[in-house]
PDB file of all heavy atoms in Angstrom:
ATOM      1  N   GLY A   1      -2.163  11.633   9.494  1.00  0.00           N
ATOM      2  CA  GLY A   1      -0.651  11.776   9.835  1.00  0.00           C
ATOM      3  C   GLY A   1       0.267  11.031   8.969  1.00  0.00           C
ATOM      4  O   GLY A   1      -0.125  10.277   8.162  1.00  0.00           O
ATOM      5  N   PRO A   2       1.477  11.267   9.183  1.00  0.00           N
ATOM      6  CA  PRO A   2       2.418  10.618   8.321  1.00  0.00           C
ATOM      7  C   PRO A   2       2.478   9.149   8.739  1.00  0.00           C
ATOM      8  O   PRO A   2       2.560   8.764   9.882  1.00  0.00           O
ATOM      9  CB  PRO A   2       3.836  11.358   8.807  1.00  0.00           C
ATOM     10  CG  PRO A   2       3.461  12.324   9.612  1.00  0.00           C
ATOM     11  CD  PRO A   2       2.007  12.336  10.039  1.00  0.00           C
ATOM     12  N   GLN A   3       2.425   8.226   7.702  1.00  0.00           N
ATOM     13  CA  GLN A   3       2.487   6.858   7.984  1.00  0.00           C
ATOM     14  C   GLN A   3       3.185   6.203   6.711  1.00  0.00           C
ATOM     15  O   GLN A   3       3.171   6.769   5.557  1.00  0.00           O
ATOM     16  CB  GLN A   3       0.965   6.294   7.920  1.00  0.00           C
ATOM     17  CG  GLN A   3       0.295   6.916   9.204  1.00  0.00           C
ATOM     18  CD  GLN A   3      -1.152   6.138   9.433  1.00  0.00           C
ATOM     19  OE1 GLN A   3      -1.124   4.907   9.325  1.00  0.00           O
ATOM     20  NE2 GLN A   3      -2.056   6.862   9.527  1.00  0.00           N
ATOM     21  N   LEU A   4       3.732   4.924   7.025  1.00  0.00           N
ATOM     22  CA  LEU A   4       4.429   4.192   6.090  1.00  0.00           C
ATOM     23  C   LEU A   4       3.893   2.814   6.099  1.00  0.00           C
ATOM     24  O   LEU A   4       3.657   2.255   7.137  1.00  0.00           O
ATOM     25  CB  LEU A   4       5.914   4.278   6.394  1.00  0.00           C
ATOM     26  CG  LEU A   4       6.809   3.184   5.731  1.00  0.00           C
ATOM     27  CD1 LEU A   4       7.013   3.541   4.219  1.00  0.00           C
ATOM     28  CD2 LEU A   4       8.126   3.141   6.335  1.00  0.00           C
ATOM     29  N   PHE A   5       3.578   2.241   4.956  1.00  0.00           N
ATOM     30  CA  PHE A   5       3.131   0.857   5.025  1.00  0.00           C
ATOM     31  C   PHE A   5       4.099   0.180   4.110  1.00  0.00           C
ATOM     32  O   PHE A   5       4.526   0.715   3.029  1.00  0.00           O
ATOM     33  CB  PHE A   5       1.644   0.756   4.608  1.00  0.00           C
ATOM     34  CG  PHE A   5       1.268   1.186   3.267  1.00  0.00           C
ATOM     35  CD1 PHE A   5       1.333   0.299   2.222  1.00  0.00           C
ATOM     36  CD2 PHE A   5       0.952   2.410   3.012  1.00  0.00           C
ATOM     37  CE1 PHE A   5       0.868   0.664   0.952  1.00  0.00           C
ATOM     38  CE2 PHE A   5       0.420   2.866   1.821  1.00  0.00           C
ATOM     39  CZ  PHE A   5       0.559   2.084   0.742  1.00  0.00           C
ATOM     40  N   HIS A   6       4.427  -0.983   4.299  1.00  0.00           N
ATOM     41  CA  HIS A   6       5.240  -1.829   3.567  1.00  0.00           C
ATOM     42  C   HIS A   6       5.122  -3.338   3.831  1.00  0.00           C
ATOM     43  O   HIS A   6       4.515  -3.790   4.841  1.00  0.00           O
ATOM     44  CB  HIS A   6       6.776  -1.406   3.748  1.00  0.00           C
ATOM     45  CG  HIS A   6       7.348  -1.735   5.227  1.00  0.00           C
ATOM     46  ND1 HIS A   6       7.913  -2.887   5.428  1.00  0.00           N
ATOM     47  CD2 HIS A   6       7.248  -0.842   6.298  1.00  0.00           C
ATOM     48  CE1 HIS A   6       8.311  -2.785   6.745  1.00  0.00           C
ATOM     49  NE2 HIS A   6       7.959  -1.665   7.308  1.00  0.00           N
ATOM     50  N   CYS A   7       5.803  -4.181   3.072  1.00  0.00           N
ATOM     51  CA  CYS A   7       5.928  -5.530   3.289  1.00  0.00           C
ATOM     52  C   CYS A   7       7.387  -6.049   3.028  1.00  0.00           C
ATOM     53  O   CYS A   7       8.149  -5.166   2.768  1.00  0.00           O
ATOM     54  CB  CYS A   7       4.848  -6.326   2.580  1.00  0.00           C
ATOM     55  SG  CYS A   7       5.117  -6.255   0.745  1.00  0.00           S
ATOM     56  N   SER A   8       7.614  -7.284   3.043  1.00  0.00           N
ATOM     57  CA  SER A   8       9.030  -7.698   3.003  1.00  0.00           C
ATOM     58  C   SER A   8       9.668  -7.342   1.635  1.00  0.00           C
ATOM     59  O   SER A   8      10.781  -6.847   1.709  1.00  0.00           O
ATOM     60  CB  SER A   8       9.143  -9.234   3.128  1.00  0.00           C
ATOM     61  OG  SER A   8       8.198  -9.923   2.238  1.00  0.00           O
ATOM     62  N   ALA A   9       8.872  -7.450   0.483  1.00  0.00           N
ATOM     63  CA  ALA A   9       9.461  -6.968  -0.725  1.00  0.00           C
ATOM     64  C   ALA A   9       8.918  -5.699  -1.239  1.00  0.00           C
ATOM     65  O   ALA A   9       9.533  -5.042  -2.118  1.00  0.00           O
ATOM     66  CB  ALA A   9       9.404  -8.101  -1.827  1.00  0.00           C
ATOM     67  N   GLY A  10       7.919  -5.298  -0.607  1.00  0.00           N
ATOM     68  CA  GLY A  10       7.241  -3.944  -0.991  1.00  0.00           C
ATOM     69  C   GLY A  10       6.620  -4.015  -2.346  1.00  0.00           C
ATOM     70  O   GLY A  10       6.433  -2.960  -2.954  1.00  0.00           O
ATOM     71  N   LYS A  11       6.101  -5.081  -2.834  1.00  0.00           N
ATOM     72  CA  LYS A  11       5.310  -5.219  -4.052  1.00  0.00           C
ATOM     73  C   LYS A  11       4.080  -5.889  -4.131  1.00  0.00           C
ATOM     74  O   LYS A  11       3.106  -5.338  -4.827  1.00  0.00           O
ATOM     75  CB  LYS A  11       6.249  -5.821  -5.118  1.00  0.00           C
ATOM     76  CG  LYS A  11       6.712  -7.332  -4.841  1.00  0.00           C
ATOM     77  CD  LYS A  11       7.490  -7.978  -5.961  1.00  0.00           C
ATOM     78  CE  LYS A  11       7.596  -9.415  -5.660  1.00  0.00           C
ATOM     79  NZ  LYS A  11       6.484 -10.128  -5.857  1.00  0.00           N
ATOM     80  N   ASP A  12       3.839  -6.804  -3.284  1.00  0.00           N
ATOM     81  CA  ASP A  12       2.542  -7.569  -3.329  1.00  0.00           C
ATOM     82  C   ASP A  12       1.568  -7.152  -2.232  1.00  0.00           C
ATOM     83  O   ASP A  12       0.637  -6.500  -2.685  1.00  0.00           O
ATOM     84  CB  ASP A  12       2.780  -9.121  -3.197  1.00  0.00           C
ATOM     85  CG  ASP A  12       3.728  -9.753  -4.299  1.00  0.00           C
ATOM     86  OD1 ASP A  12       3.550  -9.350  -5.414  1.00  0.00           O
ATOM     87  OD2 ASP A  12       4.657 -10.396  -3.914  1.00  0.00           O
ATOM     88  N   ARG A  13       1.750  -7.314  -1.041  1.00  0.00           N
ATOM     89  CA  ARG A  13       0.838  -6.818  -0.129  1.00  0.00           C
ATOM     90  C   ARG A  13       0.739  -5.365  -0.053  1.00  0.00           C
ATOM     91  O   ARG A  13      -0.251  -4.647  -0.041  1.00  0.00           O
ATOM     92  CB  ARG A  13       1.301  -7.322   1.293  1.00  0.00           C
ATOM     93  CG  ARG A  13       1.016  -8.818   1.538  1.00  0.00           C
ATOM     94  CD  ARG A  13       1.673  -9.390   2.643  1.00  0.00           C
ATOM     95  NE  ARG A  13       3.017  -9.486   2.352  1.00  0.00           N
ATOM     96  CZ  ARG A  13       3.858 -10.104   3.175  1.00  0.00           C
ATOM     97  NH1 ARG A  13       3.418 -10.742   4.205  1.00  0.00           N
ATOM     98  NH2 ARG A  13       5.235 -10.140   2.961  1.00  0.00           N
ATOM     99  N   THR A  14       1.991  -4.746  -0.253  1.00  0.00           N
ATOM    100  CA  THR A  14       2.054  -3.252  -0.377  1.00  0.00           C
ATOM    101  C   THR A  14       1.411  -2.769  -1.655  1.00  0.00           C
ATOM    102  O   THR A  14       0.609  -1.722  -1.583  1.00  0.00           O
ATOM    103  CB  THR A  14       3.553  -2.764  -0.432  1.00  0.00           C
ATOM    104  OG1 THR A  14       4.189  -3.235   0.805  1.00  0.00           O
ATOM    105  CG2 THR A  14       3.751  -1.232  -0.597  1.00  0.00           C
ATOM    106  N   GLY A  15       1.628  -3.390  -2.649  1.00  0.00           N
ATOM    107  CA  GLY A  15       0.913  -3.123  -4.005  1.00  0.00           C
ATOM    108  C   GLY A  15      -0.562  -3.171  -3.932  1.00  0.00           C
ATOM    109  O   GLY A  15      -1.208  -2.352  -4.478  1.00  0.00           O
ATOM    110  N   TRP A  16      -1.039  -4.214  -3.255  1.00  0.00           N
ATOM    111  CA  TRP A  16      -2.472  -4.226  -3.017  1.00  0.00           C
ATOM    112  C   TRP A  16      -3.039  -3.243  -2.226  1.00  0.00           C
ATOM    113  O   TRP A  16      -4.107  -2.602  -2.584  1.00  0.00           O
ATOM    114  CB  TRP A  16      -2.845  -5.715  -2.386  1.00  0.00           C
ATOM    115  CG  TRP A  16      -4.270  -6.043  -2.234  1.00  0.00           C
ATOM    116  CD1 TRP A  16      -4.825  -6.370  -0.961  1.00  0.00           C
ATOM    117  CD2 TRP A  16      -5.166  -6.156  -3.125  1.00  0.00           C
ATOM    118  NE1 TRP A  16      -6.222  -6.613  -1.142  1.00  0.00           N
ATOM    119  CE2 TRP A  16      -6.424  -6.462  -2.475  1.00  0.00           C
ATOM    120  CE3 TRP A  16      -5.326  -5.889  -4.582  1.00  0.00           C
ATOM    121  CZ2 TRP A  16      -7.619  -6.580  -3.198  1.00  0.00           C
ATOM    122  CZ3 TRP A  16      -6.542  -5.995  -5.200  1.00  0.00           C
ATOM    123  CH2 TRP A  16      -7.647  -6.339  -4.548  1.00  0.00           C
ATOM    124  N   VAL A  17      -2.394  -2.923  -1.167  1.00  0.00           N
ATOM    125  CA  VAL A  17      -2.843  -1.750  -0.206  1.00  0.00           C
ATOM    126  C   VAL A  17      -2.819  -0.428  -1.019  1.00  0.00           C
ATOM    127  O   VAL A  17      -3.830   0.305  -1.036  1.00  0.00           O
ATOM    128  CB  VAL A  17      -1.956  -1.633   1.052  1.00  0.00           C
ATOM    129  CG1 VAL A  17      -2.370  -0.333   1.752  1.00  0.00           C
ATOM    130  CG2 VAL A  17      -2.308  -2.726   2.004  1.00  0.00           C
ATOM    131  N   ALA A  18      -1.773  -0.225  -1.833  1.00  0.00           N
ATOM    132  CA  ALA A  18      -1.754   0.912  -2.689  1.00  0.00           C
ATOM    133  C   ALA A  18      -2.904   1.075  -3.717  1.00  0.00           C
ATOM    134  O   ALA A  18      -3.394   2.058  -4.007  1.00  0.00           O
ATOM    135  CB  ALA A  18      -0.326   1.142  -3.369  1.00  0.00           C
ATOM    136  N   ALA A  19      -3.105  -0.139  -4.298  1.00  0.00           N
ATOM    137  CA  ALA A  19      -4.178  -0.326  -5.281  1.00  0.00           C
ATOM    138  C   ALA A  19      -5.583  -0.037  -4.605  1.00  0.00           C
ATOM    139  O   ALA A  19      -6.346   0.658  -5.248  1.00  0.00           O
ATOM    140  CB  ALA A  19      -4.194  -1.611  -5.959  1.00  0.00           C
ATOM    141  N   LEU A  20      -5.726  -0.439  -3.440  1.00  0.00           N
ATOM    142  CA  LEU A  20      -7.131  -0.163  -2.746  1.00  0.00           C
ATOM    143  C   LEU A  20      -7.124   1.264  -2.472  1.00  0.00           C
ATOM    144  O   LEU A  20      -8.257   1.799  -2.519  1.00  0.00           O
ATOM    145  CB  LEU A  20      -7.125  -1.023  -1.425  1.00  0.00           C
ATOM    146  CG  LEU A  20      -7.143  -2.583  -1.752  1.00  0.00           C
ATOM    147  CD1 LEU A  20      -7.018  -3.193  -0.242  1.00  0.00           C
ATOM    148  CD2 LEU A  20      -8.468  -2.937  -2.410  1.00  0.00           C
ATOM    149  N   LEU A  21      -6.113   1.962  -1.898  1.00  0.00           N
ATOM    150  CA  LEU A  21      -6.145   3.224  -1.734  1.00  0.00           C
ATOM    151  C   LEU A  21      -6.364   4.186  -2.908  1.00  0.00           C
ATOM    152  O   LEU A  21      -7.223   5.004  -2.882  1.00  0.00           O
ATOM    153  CB  LEU A  21      -4.812   3.738  -1.083  1.00  0.00           C
ATOM    154  CG  LEU A  21      -4.436   3.207   0.301  1.00  0.00           C
ATOM    155  CD1 LEU A  21      -3.118   3.656   0.786  1.00  0.00           C
ATOM    156  CD2 LEU A  21      -5.454   3.879   1.295  1.00  0.00           C
ATOM    157  N   LEU A  22      -5.746   3.780  -3.993  1.00  0.00           N
ATOM    158  CA  LEU A  22      -6.057   4.506  -5.337  1.00  0.00           C
ATOM    159  C   LEU A  22      -7.588   4.387  -5.705  1.00  0.00           C
ATOM    160  O   LEU A  22      -8.125   5.295  -6.152  1.00  0.00           O
ATOM    161  CB  LEU A  22      -5.001   4.063  -6.314  1.00  0.00           C
ATOM    162  CG  LEU A  22      -3.604   4.466  -6.151  1.00  0.00           C
ATOM    163  CD1 LEU A  22      -2.757   3.700  -7.242  1.00  0.00           C
ATOM    164  CD2 LEU A  22      -3.488   6.012  -6.168  1.00  0.00           C
ATOM    165  N   HIS A  23      -8.145   3.106  -5.510  1.00  0.00           N
ATOM    166  CA  HIS A  23      -9.393   2.933  -5.824  1.00  0.00           C
ATOM    167  C   HIS A  23     -10.442   3.696  -4.914  1.00  0.00           C
ATOM    168  O   HIS A  23     -11.301   4.329  -5.368  1.00  0.00           O
ATOM    169  CB  HIS A  23      -9.848   1.409  -5.645  1.00  0.00           C
ATOM    170  CG  HIS A  23     -11.270   1.143  -5.706  1.00  0.00           C
ATOM    171  ND1 HIS A  23     -11.912   1.026  -6.969  1.00  0.00           N
ATOM    172  CD2 HIS A  23     -12.265   1.029  -4.841  1.00  0.00           C
ATOM    173  CE1 HIS A  23     -13.149   0.826  -6.700  1.00  0.00           C
ATOM    174  NE2 HIS A  23     -13.392   0.778  -5.513  1.00  0.00           N
ATOM    175  N   VAL A  24     -10.035   3.828  -3.595  1.00  0.00           N
ATOM    176  CA  VAL A  24     -10.856   4.639  -2.586  1.00  0.00           C
ATOM    177  C   VAL A  24     -10.844   6.092  -3.126  1.00  0.00           C
ATOM    178  O   VAL A  24     -11.809   6.766  -2.985  1.00  0.00           O
ATOM    179  CB  VAL A  24     -10.406   4.394  -1.265  1.00  0.00           C
ATOM    180  CG1 VAL A  24     -10.949   5.437  -0.322  1.00  0.00           C
ATOM    181  CG2 VAL A  24     -10.724   3.055  -0.743  1.00  0.00           C
ATOM    182  N   ALA A  25      -9.563   6.523  -3.585  1.00  0.00           N
ATOM    183  CA  ALA A  25      -9.541   7.900  -4.086  1.00  0.00           C
ATOM    184  C   ALA A  25     -10.185   8.238  -5.355  1.00  0.00           C
ATOM    185  O   ALA A  25     -10.252   9.409  -5.763  1.00  0.00           O
ATOM    186  CB  ALA A  25      -7.979   8.280  -4.102  1.00  0.00           C
TER     187      ALA A  25
END
């Protein structure tokens, strides 16, 4: 479903999650 993930600056924790998702893909 539609989801949004973010953190306070949108670069560190968000960047880590995005990197993990790309790895999984």
